[in-house]
């Protein structure tokens, strides 16, 4: 009788270890899915945006996140001064992070 109970306990312990391994495997699988579908593309986009912002030079035409088009007049480490419209007196300092698109002037 004790022998049968010992065998039943061993079988239950084996099932518990197998279910723990399958749980860990599923967690690793779902983390991998989340990484490749959410985290990796977001980091790629952040690197692309940082490269765009760091490539800004004086004379570039830009589009801001608020939808304004302008021309870069001055560039510092964190800020740019942008001239909007035909009015030469409309110069506004703004953060580089507010730049959405950069268009380099054609040097022909």
N, C-alpha and C. Protein backbone atom coordinates (compact mmCIF):
# COMPACT_ATOMS: atom_id res chain seq x y z
N UNK A 1 0.82 -1.18 0.00
CA UNK A 1 0.00 0.00 0.00
C UNK A 1 0.87 1.26 0.00
N UNK A 2 1.89 1.26 0.85
CA UNK A 2 2.79 2.40 0.89
C UNK A 2 3.54 2.56 -0.42
N UNK A 3 3.81 1.46 -1.07
CA UNK A 3 4.50 1.49 -2.36
C UNK A 3 3.63 2.18 -3.42
N UNK A 4 2.34 1.92 -3.42
CA UNK A 4 1.43 2.56 -4.37
C UNK A 4 1.31 4.06 -4.11
N UNK A 5 1.27 4.44 -2.85
CA UNK A 5 1.20 5.87 -2.51
C UNK A 5 2.48 6.59 -2.91
N UNK A 6 3.63 5.96 -2.75
CA UNK A 6 4.90 6.56 -3.13
C UNK A 6 4.97 6.76 -4.65
N UNK A 7 4.47 5.77 -5.42
CA UNK A 7 4.45 5.90 -6.87
C UNK A 7 3.51 7.01 -7.32
N UNK A 8 2.39 7.19 -6.66
CA UNK A 8 1.44 8.24 -6.99
C UNK A 8 2.03 9.62 -6.70
N UNK A 9 2.76 9.75 -5.59
CA UNK A 9 3.40 11.03 -5.25
C UNK A 9 4.48 11.38 -6.27
N UNK A 10 5.23 10.39 -6.71
CA UNK A 10 6.29 10.62 -7.71
C UNK A 10 5.67 11.05 -9.04
N UNK A 11 4.57 10.45 -9.42
CA UNK A 11 3.90 10.82 -10.68
C UNK A 11 3.36 12.24 -10.60
N UNK A 12 2.80 12.60 -9.46
CA UNK A 12 2.28 13.96 -9.29
C UNK A 12 3.40 14.98 -9.33
N UNK A 13 4.54 14.69 -8.71
CA UNK A 13 5.68 15.60 -8.72
C UNK A 13 6.21 15.76 -10.14
N UNK A 14 6.21 14.70 -10.92
CA UNK A 14 6.66 14.78 -12.31
C UNK A 14 5.73 15.64 -13.15
N UNK A 15 4.44 15.56 -12.93
CA UNK A 15 3.48 16.39 -13.66
C UNK A 15 3.64 17.85 -13.27
N UNK A 16 3.92 18.11 -12.01
CA UNK A 16 4.11 19.49 -11.56
C UNK A 16 5.32 20.13 -12.20
N UNK A 17 6.42 19.38 -12.33
CA UNK A 17 7.63 19.89 -12.96
C UNK A 17 7.39 20.13 -14.44
N UNK A 18 6.66 19.24 -15.09
CA UNK A 18 6.38 19.39 -16.52
C UNK A 18 5.49 20.61 -16.76
N UNK A 19 4.52 20.83 -15.89
CA UNK A 19 3.65 21.99 -16.07
C UNK A 19 4.41 23.28 -15.80
N UNK A 20 5.37 23.26 -14.89
CA UNK A 20 6.19 24.45 -14.62
C UNK A 20 7.07 24.77 -15.83
N UNK A 21 7.64 23.76 -16.44
CA UNK A 21 8.47 23.96 -17.62
C UNK A 21 7.64 24.51 -18.77
N UNK A 22 6.45 23.98 -18.96
CA UNK A 22 5.60 24.48 -20.05
C UNK A 22 5.15 25.91 -19.77
N UNK A 23 4.93 26.26 -18.52
CA UNK A 23 4.55 27.64 -18.18
C UNK A 23 5.69 28.60 -18.50
N UNK A 24 6.91 28.24 -18.13
CA UNK A 24 8.07 29.09 -18.42
C UNK A 24 8.27 29.20 -19.93
N UNK A 25 8.09 28.10 -20.65
CA UNK A 25 8.25 28.13 -22.11
C UNK A 25 7.21 29.06 -22.74
N UNK A 26 5.98 29.02 -22.26
CA UNK A 26 4.95 29.92 -22.80
C UNK A 26 5.25 31.38 -22.50
N UNK A 27 5.75 31.66 -21.31
CA UNK A 27 6.10 33.04 -20.95
C UNK A 27 7.23 33.56 -21.84
N UNK A 28 8.24 32.74 -22.09
CA UNK A 28 9.34 33.13 -22.98
C UNK A 28 8.82 33.34 -24.39
N UNK A 29 7.94 32.48 -24.85
CA UNK A 29 7.36 32.61 -26.19
C UNK A 29 6.59 33.94 -26.32
N UNK A 30 5.73 34.26 -25.35
CA UNK A 30 4.94 35.49 -25.43
C UNK A 30 5.81 36.73 -25.29
N UNK A 31 6.86 36.67 -24.47
CA UNK A 31 7.77 37.81 -24.38
C UNK A 31 8.48 38.02 -25.71
N UNK A 32 8.87 36.94 -26.38
CA UNK A 32 9.49 37.07 -27.70
C UNK A 32 8.56 37.69 -28.72
N UNK A 33 7.31 37.28 -28.70
CA UNK A 33 6.31 37.86 -29.60
C UNK A 33 6.16 39.36 -29.32
N UNK A 34 6.04 39.73 -28.06
CA UNK A 34 5.87 41.14 -27.69
C UNK A 34 7.10 41.95 -28.09
N UNK A 35 8.28 41.38 -27.93
CA UNK A 35 9.50 42.09 -28.29
C UNK A 35 9.53 42.40 -29.78
N UNK A 36 9.26 41.39 -30.60
CA UNK A 36 9.36 41.59 -32.05
C UNK A 36 8.20 42.38 -32.63
N UNK A 37 7.06 42.42 -31.97
CA UNK A 37 5.92 43.17 -32.49
C UNK A 37 5.80 44.58 -31.92
N UNK A 38 6.34 44.82 -30.73
CA UNK A 38 6.13 46.13 -30.11
C UNK A 38 7.43 46.86 -29.76
N UNK A 39 8.32 46.24 -29.06
CA UNK A 39 9.49 46.93 -28.54
C UNK A 39 10.51 47.23 -29.64
N UNK A 40 10.82 46.24 -30.45
CA UNK A 40 11.84 46.43 -31.49
C UNK A 40 11.44 47.49 -32.52
N UNK A 41 10.24 47.49 -33.06
CA UNK A 41 9.88 48.56 -34.01
C UNK A 41 9.89 49.96 -33.38
N UNK A 42 9.51 50.05 -32.12
CA UNK A 42 9.52 51.35 -31.45
C UNK A 42 10.94 51.86 -31.29
N UNK A 43 11.87 51.01 -30.92
CA UNK A 43 13.27 51.43 -30.79
C UNK A 43 13.85 51.83 -32.15
N UNK A 44 13.46 51.10 -33.19
CA UNK A 44 13.93 51.42 -34.53
C UNK A 44 13.44 52.80 -34.95
N UNK A 45 12.19 53.10 -34.65
CA UNK A 45 11.61 54.41 -34.97
C UNK A 45 12.29 55.52 -34.17
N UNK A 46 12.61 55.26 -32.90
CA UNK A 46 13.30 56.25 -32.09
C UNK A 46 14.69 56.56 -32.63
N UNK A 47 15.41 55.54 -33.08
CA UNK A 47 16.73 55.76 -33.67
C UNK A 47 16.63 56.57 -34.95
N UNK A 48 15.61 56.27 -35.76
CA UNK A 48 15.40 57.00 -37.01
C UNK A 48 15.10 58.47 -36.74
N UNK A 49 14.25 58.72 -35.74
CA UNK A 49 13.89 60.10 -35.37
C UNK A 49 15.11 60.85 -34.83
N UNK A 50 15.94 60.19 -34.01
CA UNK A 50 17.13 60.82 -33.46
C UNK A 50 18.12 61.17 -34.58
N UNK A 51 18.27 60.30 -35.57
CA UNK A 51 19.15 60.58 -36.69
C UNK A 51 18.63 61.76 -37.51
N UNK A 52 17.31 61.82 -37.68
CA UNK A 52 16.70 62.93 -38.41
C UNK A 52 16.94 64.26 -37.69
N UNK A 53 16.73 64.27 -36.39
CA UNK A 53 16.89 65.50 -35.60
C UNK A 53 18.35 65.94 -35.58
N UNK A 54 19.27 64.98 -35.51
CA UNK A 54 20.69 65.34 -35.47
C UNK A 54 21.23 65.78 -36.83
N UNK A 55 20.49 65.52 -37.90
CA UNK A 55 20.95 65.91 -39.23
C UNK A 55 20.49 67.32 -39.63
N UNK A 56 19.79 68.00 -38.75
CA UNK A 56 19.27 69.33 -39.07
C UNK A 56 20.42 70.33 -39.16
N UNK A 57 20.43 71.10 -40.24
CA UNK A 57 21.44 72.13 -40.46
C UNK A 57 20.76 73.44 -40.83
N UNK A 58 21.53 74.51 -40.78
CA UNK A 58 21.01 75.82 -41.15
C UNK A 58 20.62 75.80 -42.63
N UNK A 59 19.44 76.32 -42.94
CA UNK A 59 18.95 76.38 -44.31
C UNK A 59 18.00 75.24 -44.68
N UNK A 60 17.85 74.25 -43.82
CA UNK A 60 16.94 73.15 -44.08
C UNK A 60 15.50 73.59 -43.93
N UNK A 61 14.63 73.06 -44.77
CA UNK A 61 13.20 73.29 -44.65
C UNK A 61 12.64 72.18 -43.78
N UNK A 62 11.85 72.55 -42.76
CA UNK A 62 11.34 71.55 -41.82
C UNK A 62 9.83 71.64 -41.68
N UNK A 63 9.25 70.57 -41.20
CA UNK A 63 7.84 70.50 -40.82
C UNK A 63 7.82 70.18 -39.34
N UNK A 64 7.12 70.97 -38.54
CA UNK A 64 7.06 70.73 -37.10
C UNK A 64 5.92 69.77 -36.78
N UNK A 65 5.90 69.27 -35.56
CA UNK A 65 4.85 68.35 -35.14
C UNK A 65 3.50 69.04 -35.09
N UNK A 66 3.48 70.37 -34.99
CA UNK A 66 2.22 71.09 -34.97
C UNK A 66 1.74 71.48 -36.37
N UNK A 67 2.52 71.12 -37.41
CA UNK A 67 2.08 71.33 -38.77
C UNK A 67 2.60 72.59 -39.44
N UNK A 68 3.54 73.29 -38.84
CA UNK A 68 4.09 74.51 -39.43
C UNK A 68 5.33 74.18 -40.27
N UNK A 69 5.42 74.82 -41.44
CA UNK A 69 6.60 74.70 -42.28
C UNK A 69 7.49 75.90 -42.02
N UNK A 70 8.79 75.69 -41.99
CA UNK A 70 9.72 76.78 -41.77
C UNK A 70 11.11 76.43 -42.24
N UNK A 71 12.00 77.42 -42.12
CA UNK A 71 13.40 77.26 -42.51
C UNK A 71 14.26 77.48 -41.28
N UNK A 72 15.23 76.59 -41.08
CA UNK A 72 16.11 76.66 -39.91
C UNK A 72 17.09 77.80 -40.10
N UNK A 73 17.16 78.69 -39.09
CA UNK A 73 18.06 79.84 -39.12
C UNK A 73 19.29 79.59 -38.27
N UNK A 74 19.12 78.92 -37.11
CA UNK A 74 20.23 78.66 -36.21
C UNK A 74 19.99 77.32 -35.50
N UNK A 75 21.09 76.62 -35.20
CA UNK A 75 21.00 75.32 -34.54
C UNK A 75 21.91 75.33 -33.31
N UNK A 76 21.36 74.90 -32.15
CA UNK A 76 22.17 74.69 -30.95
C UNK A 76 22.04 73.22 -30.57
N UNK A 77 22.53 72.86 -29.38
CA UNK A 77 22.50 71.46 -28.96
C UNK A 77 21.09 70.91 -28.86
N UNK A 78 20.18 71.64 -28.22
CA UNK A 78 18.82 71.14 -28.00
C UNK A 78 17.75 71.93 -28.74
N UNK A 79 18.08 73.12 -29.22
CA UNK A 79 17.09 74.01 -29.81
C UNK A 79 17.46 74.38 -31.24
N UNK A 80 16.46 74.84 -31.98
CA UNK A 80 16.66 75.43 -33.30
C UNK A 80 15.84 76.71 -33.35
N UNK A 81 16.28 77.65 -34.17
CA UNK A 81 15.49 78.86 -34.42
C UNK A 81 14.96 78.73 -35.83
N UNK A 82 13.64 78.81 -35.96
CA UNK A 82 12.97 78.57 -37.23
C UNK A 82 12.28 79.84 -37.69
N UNK A 83 12.42 80.14 -38.98
CA UNK A 83 11.76 81.29 -39.60
C UNK A 83 10.54 80.78 -40.35
N UNK A 84 9.38 81.31 -40.00
CA UNK A 84 8.12 80.86 -40.59
C UNK A 84 7.60 81.90 -41.57
N UNK A 85 7.15 81.46 -42.74
CA UNK A 85 6.52 82.34 -43.72
C UNK A 85 7.50 83.27 -44.40
N UNK A 86 6.94 84.26 -45.09
CA UNK A 86 7.75 85.23 -45.82
C UNK A 86 8.21 86.38 -44.94
N UNK A 87 7.63 86.50 -43.76
CA UNK A 87 7.98 87.57 -42.84
C UNK A 87 9.30 87.23 -42.17
N UNK A 88 10.33 88.03 -42.43
CA UNK A 88 11.66 87.74 -41.88
C UNK A 88 11.73 88.00 -40.37
N UNK A 89 10.70 88.62 -39.80
CA UNK A 89 10.70 88.90 -38.36
C UNK A 89 10.04 87.79 -37.56
N UNK A 90 9.51 86.79 -38.20
CA UNK A 90 8.82 85.70 -37.50
C UNK A 90 9.79 84.54 -37.29
N UNK A 91 10.64 84.70 -36.28
CA UNK A 91 11.63 83.67 -35.95
C UNK A 91 11.31 83.15 -34.55
N UNK A 92 11.15 81.83 -34.45
CA UNK A 92 10.72 81.23 -33.19
C UNK A 92 11.71 80.15 -32.78
N UNK A 93 12.21 80.21 -31.53
CA UNK A 93 13.04 79.10 -31.05
C UNK A 93 12.16 77.93 -30.63
N UNK A 94 12.61 76.73 -30.93
CA UNK A 94 11.85 75.53 -30.55
C UNK A 94 12.81 74.38 -30.30
N UNK A 95 12.32 73.37 -29.61
CA UNK A 95 13.12 72.18 -29.33
C UNK A 95 13.29 71.37 -30.61
N UNK A 96 14.41 70.67 -30.71
CA UNK A 96 14.65 69.81 -31.87
C UNK A 96 13.65 68.66 -31.94
N UNK A 97 13.14 68.25 -30.79
CA UNK A 97 12.20 67.13 -30.77
C UNK A 97 10.87 67.47 -31.43
N UNK A 98 10.62 68.75 -31.68
CA UNK A 98 9.38 69.16 -32.32
C UNK A 98 9.46 69.08 -33.85
N UNK A 99 10.58 68.62 -34.37
CA UNK A 99 10.76 68.50 -35.83
C UNK A 99 10.23 67.14 -36.29
N UNK A 100 9.36 67.18 -37.27
CA UNK A 100 8.74 65.95 -37.80
C UNK A 100 9.41 65.49 -39.09
N UNK A 101 9.71 66.44 -40.00
CA UNK A 101 10.35 66.12 -41.28
C UNK A 101 11.41 67.16 -41.58
N UNK A 102 12.44 66.73 -42.30
CA UNK A 102 13.51 67.62 -42.73
C UNK A 102 13.69 67.45 -44.22
N UNK A 103 13.76 68.58 -44.93
CA UNK A 103 14.02 68.54 -46.37
C UNK A 103 15.25 69.38 -46.63
N UNK A 104 16.28 68.76 -47.14
CA UNK A 104 17.53 69.44 -47.44
C UNK A 104 17.35 70.29 -48.70
N UNK A 105 17.98 71.48 -48.74
CA UNK A 105 17.87 72.30 -49.95
C UNK A 105 18.66 71.67 -51.10
N UNK A 106 18.18 71.87 -52.32
CA UNK A 106 18.88 71.34 -53.49
C UNK A 106 20.04 72.26 -53.83
N UNK A 107 21.24 71.73 -53.83
CA UNK A 107 22.46 72.51 -54.19
C UNK A 107 22.88 72.09 -55.59
N UNK A 108 22.37 72.81 -56.59
CA UNK A 108 22.67 72.47 -57.97
C UNK A 108 23.71 73.38 -58.53
